[in-house]
Amino acid sequence: MWVVCVNNGVCDESSSVSVNLTIGKQYYVPYVKFRNTISGPRDYRISNDIGSTIFYSSNRFVKVDEYRNIQLNQLLSESLSPSN
């Protein structure tokens, strides 16, 4: 599954302040680790920007189609807002 990073800063349940991820960049998730239940929090195993493969909290990412929708909605709202 492919995901897009939307948070490379302070994050709930993160164990490190240095995450080596890029906002807007796609990352491949070969493995998902469920913490408690299948519908609960999970971690994605991802190779980060420096080549280390570690687990990141899923709340740092959205699916690619969700990210596209976020971008499209942002563009639409900018084009519809009155300019000065």
Protein backbone atom coordinates (compact mmCIF):
# COMPACT_ATOMS: atom_id res chain seq x y z
CA MET A 1 0.00 0.00 0.00
CA TRP A 2 1.19 3.50 -0.79
CA VAL A 3 0.73 6.38 1.65
CA VAL A 4 1.64 10.07 1.71
CA CYS A 5 3.30 11.80 4.66
CA VAL A 6 1.20 14.62 6.12
CA ASN A 7 3.01 15.04 9.45
CA ASN A 8 6.76 14.94 9.95
CA GLY A 9 6.74 16.89 13.19
CA VAL A 10 5.46 16.25 16.68
CA CYS A 11 3.07 13.34 16.60
CA ASP A 12 1.02 11.36 19.10
CA GLU A 13 2.70 8.10 20.04
CA SER A 14 5.97 8.92 18.28
CA SER A 15 9.15 7.68 19.87
CA SER A 16 11.59 10.03 18.13
CA VAL A 17 11.79 13.72 17.30
CA SER A 18 13.80 12.99 14.15
CA VAL A 19 11.58 11.17 11.68
CA ASN A 20 13.36 11.70 8.31
CA LEU A 21 10.11 11.95 6.34
CA THR A 22 9.03 14.54 3.77
CA ILE A 23 5.57 16.12 3.73
CA GLY A 24 3.79 15.24 0.48
CA LYS A 25 6.13 12.38 -0.38
CA GLN A 26 4.77 8.91 -1.11
CA TYR A 27 6.08 5.95 0.87
CA TYR A 28 5.46 2.26 0.34
CA VAL A 29 4.12 0.26 3.32
CA PRO A 30 5.09 -3.42 3.02
CA TYR A 31 3.90 -4.29 6.52
CA VAL A 32 1.29 -2.98 8.98
CA LYS A 33 1.61 -3.76 12.68
CA PHE A 34 -1.66 -3.61 14.62
CA ARG A 35 -1.20 -2.49 18.22
CA ASN A 36 -4.29 -3.78 20.03
CA THR A 37 -7.10 -4.54 17.64
CA ILE A 38 -7.49 -4.53 13.90
CA SER A 39 -9.56 -1.32 14.05
CA GLY A 40 -7.25 0.39 16.56
CA PRO A 41 -3.99 2.28 16.13
CA ARG A 42 -1.36 0.79 13.87
CA ASP A 43 2.20 1.31 12.75
CA TYR A 44 3.53 1.28 9.20
CA ARG A 45 6.96 -0.14 8.36
CA ILE A 46 8.50 2.41 6.00
CA SER A 47 11.90 3.10 4.50
CA ASN A 48 12.47 6.76 5.35
CA ASP A 49 14.43 9.43 3.49
CA ILE A 50 17.81 8.25 4.79
CA GLY A 51 17.14 4.61 3.96
CA SER A 52 16.35 3.31 7.44
CA THR A 53 13.34 0.99 7.65
CA ILE A 54 11.40 1.62 10.85
CA PHE A 55 7.84 1.70 12.14
CA TYR A 56 5.92 4.99 12.07
CA SER A 57 2.52 5.74 13.56
CA SER A 58 -0.18 5.62 10.89
CA ASN A 59 -1.41 9.07 11.96
CA ARG A 60 1.56 10.56 10.09
CA PHE A 61 0.12 9.39 6.78
CA VAL A 62 -2.95 9.32 4.56
CA LYS A 63 -3.69 7.07 1.61
CA VAL A 64 -2.73 8.45 -1.79
CA ASP A 65 -6.33 9.01 -2.93
CA GLU A 66 -7.11 10.85 0.33
CA TYR A 67 -4.10 13.10 -0.22
CA ARG A 68 -5.23 13.87 -3.78
CA ASN A 69 -8.66 14.84 -2.46
CA ILE A 70 -7.08 17.10 0.18
CA GLN A 71 -4.97 18.80 -2.51
CA LEU A 72 -7.93 19.20 -4.88
CA ASN A 73 -10.13 20.66 -2.16
CA GLN A 74 -7.38 23.08 -1.19
CA LEU A 75 -6.97 24.21 -4.81
CA LEU A 76 -10.73 24.62 -5.21
CA SER A 77 -11.04 26.67 -2.03
CA GLU A 78 -8.15 28.91 -3.13
CA SER A 79 -9.66 29.45 -6.58
CA LEU A 80 -13.09 30.26 -5.12
CA SER A 81 -11.85 32.68 -2.49
CA PRO A 82 -12.04 36.36 -3.51
CA SER A 83 -8.71 37.94 -4.35
CA ASN A 84 -7.72 41.45 -3.32
